[in-house]
Amino acid sequence: MSRKLLIAGNWKMNGLVAEGTNLAKGVAEAVKKAGKVECEFLVCPPFTLLSNVKKALRGAKVNLGAQDCHFAEKGAHTGDISPVMLKDIGCQYVILGHSERRTDHYESNELVNKKAQAAHTAGLKTVICVGETLSEREAGKALEVCTKQIIESVPEDSTSSNTVIAYEPVWAIGTGKVPTTKDVEEVHAAIRKTLAKKLGKGNANKMRILYGGSVKPNNAKELLSLEDVDGALIGGASLKVEDFMGIAKNSGAF
């Protein structure tokens, strides 16, 4: 089954207006220069940069995404952003359930599910993140944890058109540590199998499953050539144009 690679950058809490705009311009120029590419690009800056980044990306085939959203359309939710607001400003995607949200903000699978439903209703595509901690990996519970997160976090209305899954082992994020290709293959296969049971084989076979966690240009080819790996959710390396584009290039996208 041929699935178009998605190369997604999660800028996290990085970037003031000037540097964020320059980074977006750099990505836009690099994508234009690359010409015909066999992948989809996505950048997810902080909320404060969304408008500026959207303008900087104009004319380039790069999608815009946010890093989180609330499940309500509007109301008394101080400090939150609704899916409708994100759609209105020009976002196509939103990341949900990232381990840093699950840990720092105590987000449950049920809350992630609720947010994803609201995002789909607003017309956004979701990147739903799952992944195990180091203690869970060492206890042999990686598959159990990830499949439970898929079952409980992914809404019933999810399809290959509105949902992307990102497997990010928590212990590999920003640490430089990367699972073996065998480990990555095993988890991605288990995720697809779980999606098939939940959403049907047709949806599961078409749905993209990204890998995230210390993805760099020098390991991109090995990771993104695995059968059930359909792209990357990139953290630190997405803050440098040459690294972000290097990952795409080494994946064979151009």
Protein backbone atom coordinates (compact mmCIF):
# COMPACT_ATOMS: atom_id res chain seq x y z
CA MET A 1 0.00 0.00 0.00
CA SER A 2 1.53 3.30 -1.10
CA ARG A 3 1.15 6.08 1.45
CA LYS A 4 2.58 9.55 0.86
CA LEU A 5 5.32 10.41 3.33
CA LEU A 6 4.58 13.21 5.77
CA ILE A 7 7.56 15.21 7.01
CA ALA A 8 6.25 17.22 9.97
CA GLY A 9 8.08 19.72 12.13
CA ASN A 10 6.99 20.31 15.72
CA TRP A 11 8.66 23.56 16.78
CA LYS A 12 7.36 23.16 20.35
CA MET A 13 7.84 26.29 22.55
CA ASN A 14 10.52 27.83 20.36
CA GLY A 15 10.67 30.98 18.27
CA LEU A 16 9.94 34.68 18.62
CA VAL A 17 8.35 36.49 15.70
CA ALA A 18 11.52 37.38 13.79
CA GLU A 19 13.27 34.01 14.06
CA GLY A 20 10.07 32.04 13.52
CA THR A 21 9.24 34.02 10.39
CA ASN A 22 12.79 33.57 9.07
CA LEU A 23 12.65 29.83 9.73
CA ALA A 24 9.34 29.53 7.87
CA LYS A 25 10.71 31.56 4.96
CA GLY A 26 13.74 29.29 4.87
CA VAL A 27 11.58 26.17 4.75
CA ALA A 28 9.35 27.68 2.06
CA GLU A 29 12.33 28.61 -0.12
CA ALA A 30 13.94 25.19 0.34
CA VAL A 31 10.74 23.36 -0.60
CA LYS A 32 10.30 25.52 -3.70
CA LYS A 33 13.94 24.94 -4.67
CA ALA A 34 13.55 21.17 -4.24
CA GLY A 35 10.99 21.18 -7.05
CA LYS A 36 8.94 18.03 -7.39
CA VAL A 37 8.93 16.14 -4.09
CA GLU A 38 7.33 12.82 -3.17
CA CYS A 39 6.27 13.86 0.32
CA GLU A 40 3.99 16.26 2.16
CA PHE A 41 5.48 18.94 4.41
CA LEU A 42 3.96 20.27 7.63
CA VAL A 43 5.23 22.78 10.18
CA CYS A 44 3.65 23.29 13.60
CA PRO A 45 4.83 26.51 15.28
CA PRO A 46 3.62 27.95 18.61
CA PHE A 47 0.24 29.69 18.56
CA THR A 48 1.90 33.14 18.59
CA LEU A 49 3.61 32.44 15.26
CA LEU A 50 0.77 30.85 13.29
CA SER A 51 -0.28 34.01 11.46
CA ASN A 52 3.26 35.07 10.57
CA VAL A 53 4.30 31.58 9.52
CA LYS A 54 1.21 31.26 7.31
CA LYS A 55 2.24 34.43 5.46
CA ALA A 56 5.87 33.28 5.20
CA LEU A 57 4.80 29.94 3.68
CA ARG A 58 2.67 31.56 0.98
CA GLY A 59 3.33 30.00 -2.40
CA ALA A 60 5.11 26.95 -0.99
CA LYS A 61 3.63 23.47 -0.69
CA VAL A 62 3.91 23.37 3.10
CA ASN A 63 0.94 22.79 5.40
CA LEU A 64 0.41 24.65 8.64
CA GLY A 65 -0.48 22.99 11.93
CA ALA A 66 -0.89 23.84 15.60
CA GLN A 67 0.45 21.98 18.61
CA ASP A 68 -2.78 21.56 20.57
CA CYS A 69 -6.39 22.69 20.84
CA HIS A 70 -9.34 22.67 23.22
CA PHE A 71 -12.40 20.54 22.51
CA ALA A 72 -14.89 23.41 22.81
CA GLU A 73 -15.72 25.74 19.91
CA LYS A 74 -15.72 28.82 22.16
CA GLY A 75 -16.46 29.85 25.73
CA ALA A 76 -14.95 30.40 29.16
CA HIS A 77 -11.64 28.59 28.64
CA THR A 78 -8.99 31.15 29.45
CA GLY A 79 -5.70 30.51 27.70
CA ASP A 80 -7.07 27.87 25.33
CA ILE A 81 -7.51 27.83 21.55
CA SER A 82 -10.41 26.15 19.78
CA PRO A 83 -10.20 24.02 16.61
CA VAL A 84 -12.44 26.53 14.83
CA MET A 85 -9.97 29.32 15.64
CA LEU A 86 -7.12 27.24 14.21
CA LYS A 87 -9.08 26.49 11.06
CA ASP A 88 -9.97 30.17 10.73
CA ILE A 89 -6.33 31.29 10.87
CA GLY A 90 -5.35 28.82 8.15
CA CYS A 91 -4.29 25.62 9.89
CA GLN A 92 -4.81 22.28 8.19
CA TYR A 93 -3.49 20.12 11.04
CA VAL A 94 -3.25 19.97 14.82
CA ILE A 95 -1.00 17.77 16.96
CA LEU A 96 -2.82 16.09 19.84
CA GLY A 97 -1.76 13.86 22.72
CA HIS A 98 1.95 14.60 22.50
CA SER A 99 3.78 13.01 25.43
CA GLU A 100 4.75 16.44 26.73
CA ARG A 101 1.05 17.35 26.92
CA ARG A 102 0.17 14.01 28.46
CA THR A 103 2.90 14.41 31.09
CA ASP A 104 3.02 18.15 31.80
CA HIS A 105 -0.73 18.76 31.53
CA TYR A 106 -1.95 15.34 32.68
CA GLU A 107 -3.92 14.77 29.46
CA SER A 108 -5.75 11.45 29.38
CA ASN A 109 -6.56 9.27 26.39
CA GLU A 110 -10.18 10.28 26.81
CA LEU A 111 -9.35 14.00 26.63
CA VAL A 112 -7.20 13.47 23.53
CA ASN A 113 -10.12 11.61 21.94
CA LYS A 114 -12.50 14.45 22.75
CA LYS A 115 -10.13 17.04 21.28
CA ALA A 116 -9.64 14.96 18.14
CA GLN A 117 -13.40 14.68 17.60
CA ALA A 118 -13.72 18.45 17.87
CA ALA A 119 -10.81 19.01 15.50
CA HIS A 120 -12.33 16.69 12.91
CA THR A 121 -15.66 18.49 13.20
CA ALA A 122 -13.87 21.78 12.56
CA GLY A 123 -12.26 20.35 9.43
CA LEU A 124 -8.76 19.87 10.81
CA LYS A 125 -6.57 16.82 10.34
CA THR A 126 -5.15 15.42 13.56
CA VAL A 127 -1.72 14.03 14.35
CA ILE A 128 -2.44 11.82 17.36
CA CYS A 129 0.68 10.89 19.33
CA VAL A 130 1.32 7.70 21.26
CA GLY A 131 4.41 6.28 22.92
CA GLU A 132 5.84 4.52 25.96
CA THR A 133 8.18 5.74 28.70
CA LEU A 134 11.57 4.16 29.35
CA SER A 135 10.25 2.26 32.39
CA GLU A 136 7.36 0.91 30.32
CA ARG A 137 9.76 -0.14 27.55
CA GLU A 138 12.09 -1.88 30.03
CA ALA A 139 9.11 -3.64 31.62
CA GLY A 140 8.13 -5.06 28.22
CA LYS A 141 4.92 -3.02 28.10
CA ALA A 142 5.60 -0.87 25.01
CA LEU A 143 3.05 -2.61 22.78
CA GLU A 144 0.45 -2.75 25.55
CA VAL A 145 0.80 0.97 26.29
CA CYS A 146 0.73 2.08 22.66
CA THR A 147 -2.22 -0.09 21.64
CA LYS A 148 -4.22 1.11 24.66
CA GLN A 149 -3.49 4.73 23.69
CA ILE A 150 -4.65 4.02 20.13
CA ILE A 151 -7.86 2.31 21.27
CA GLU A 152 -8.77 5.09 23.69
CA SER A 153 -7.33 8.21 22.02
CA VAL A 154 -8.42 7.72 18.41
CA PRO A 155 -12.08 8.66 17.74
CA GLU A 156 -14.47 6.37 15.91
CA ASP A 157 -14.81 8.97 13.12
CA SER A 158 -11.10 8.77 12.31
CA THR A 159 -10.14 7.98 8.73
CA SER A 160 -6.99 8.04 6.66
CA SER A 161 -8.17 11.44 5.39
CA ASN A 162 -8.46 13.18 8.76
CA THR A 163 -6.02 11.32 11.02
CA VAL A 164 -2.30 10.62 11.21
CA ILE A 165 -0.71 8.63 14.03
CA ALA A 166 2.72 9.47 15.42
CA TYR A 167 4.65 6.90 17.43
CA GLU A 168 7.08 8.73 19.71
CA PRO A 169 8.81 6.67 22.38
CA VAL A 170 8.98 9.17 25.24
CA TRP A 171 12.51 8.14 26.17
CA ALA A 172 13.78 8.96 22.65
CA ILE A 173 12.42 12.51 22.40
CA GLY A 174 15.28 14.99 22.43
CA THR A 175 17.69 12.51 23.99
CA GLY A 176 19.57 11.35 20.92
CA LYS A 177 18.49 7.78 21.73
CA VAL A 178 16.68 5.91 18.98
CA PRO A 179 14.97 2.48 19.20
CA THR A 180 16.30 -0.28 17.02
CA THR A 181 14.65 -0.63 13.63
CA LYS A 182 13.22 -3.91 14.88
CA ASP A 183 11.57 -2.12 17.82
CA VAL A 184 10.15 0.59 15.54
CA GLU A 185 8.85 -1.98 13.07
CA GLU A 186 7.23 -3.97 15.86
CA VAL A 187 5.39 -1.00 17.37
CA HIS A 188 4.26 0.41 14.01
CA ALA A 189 2.94 -2.99 12.94
CA ALA A 190 1.06 -3.33 16.24
CA ILE A 191 -0.43 0.16 15.81
CA ARG A 192 -1.65 -0.65 12.31
CA LYS A 193 -3.12 -3.94 13.51
CA THR A 194 -4.94 -2.11 16.32
CA LEU A 195 -6.24 0.52 13.89
CA ALA A 196 -7.56 -2.26 11.65
CA LYS A 197 -9.53 -3.73 14.54
CA LYS A 198 -10.88 -0.32 15.57
CA LEU A 199 -11.48 1.40 12.22
CA GLY A 200 -11.42 -1.36 9.61
CA LYS A 201 -8.60 -2.74 7.51
CA GLY A 202 -9.18 -0.30 4.65
CA ASN A 203 -8.69 2.77 6.84
CA ALA A 204 -5.77 1.21 8.68
CA ASN A 205 -3.90 0.35 5.49
CA LYS A 206 -4.23 3.91 4.20
CA MET A 207 -3.55 5.73 7.48
CA ARG A 208 -0.09 7.19 7.90
CA ILE A 209 1.95 6.31 10.97
CA LEU A 210 4.89 8.61 11.63
CA TYR A 211 7.94 7.93 13.75
CA GLY A 212 9.20 10.63 16.10
CA GLY A 213 12.08 10.74 18.55
CA SER A 214 15.56 12.06 17.73
CA VAL A 215 15.06 11.82 13.97
CA LYS A 216 18.07 13.34 12.19
CA PRO A 217 19.28 13.46 8.57
CA ASN A 218 21.78 10.68 9.31
CA ASN A 219 19.16 8.17 10.52
CA ALA A 220 16.20 9.25 8.36
CA LYS A 221 16.89 6.85 5.51
CA GLU A 222 16.98 3.81 7.78
CA LEU A 223 13.90 4.77 9.79
CA LEU A 224 11.71 6.03 6.95
CA SER A 225 12.39 3.04 4.73
CA LEU A 226 10.65 0.69 7.20
CA GLU A 227 7.41 -0.81 5.91
CA ASP A 228 4.93 0.78 8.30
CA VAL A 229 6.76 4.09 8.80
CA ASP A 230 5.10 6.78 6.70
CA GLY A 231 7.07 9.84 7.68
CA ALA A 232 8.46 11.63 10.70
CA LEU A 233 7.34 14.00 13.43
CA ILE A 234 10.50 16.02 13.99
CA GLY A 235 11.33 18.13 17.03
CA GLY A 236 14.73 19.77 17.39
CA ALA A 237 15.86 19.05 13.84
CA SER A 238 12.87 20.97 12.48
CA LEU A 239 14.32 24.20 13.87
CA LYS A 240 17.11 24.13 11.28
CA VAL A 241 16.13 24.29 7.62
CA GLU A 242 19.08 22.16 6.48
CA ASP A 243 18.26 19.40 8.99
CA PHE A 244 14.53 19.44 8.30
CA MET A 245 15.07 19.29 4.54
CA GLY A 246 17.93 16.84 4.98
CA ILE A 247 15.55 14.38 6.62
CA ALA A 248 13.12 14.73 3.72
CA LYS A 249 15.89 14.34 1.17
CA ASN A 250 17.38 11.29 2.86
CA SER A 251 13.95 9.68 3.00
CA GLY A 252 14.04 9.62 -0.80
CA ALA A 253 11.39 12.31 -1.22
CA PHE A 254 13.54 14.23 -3.71
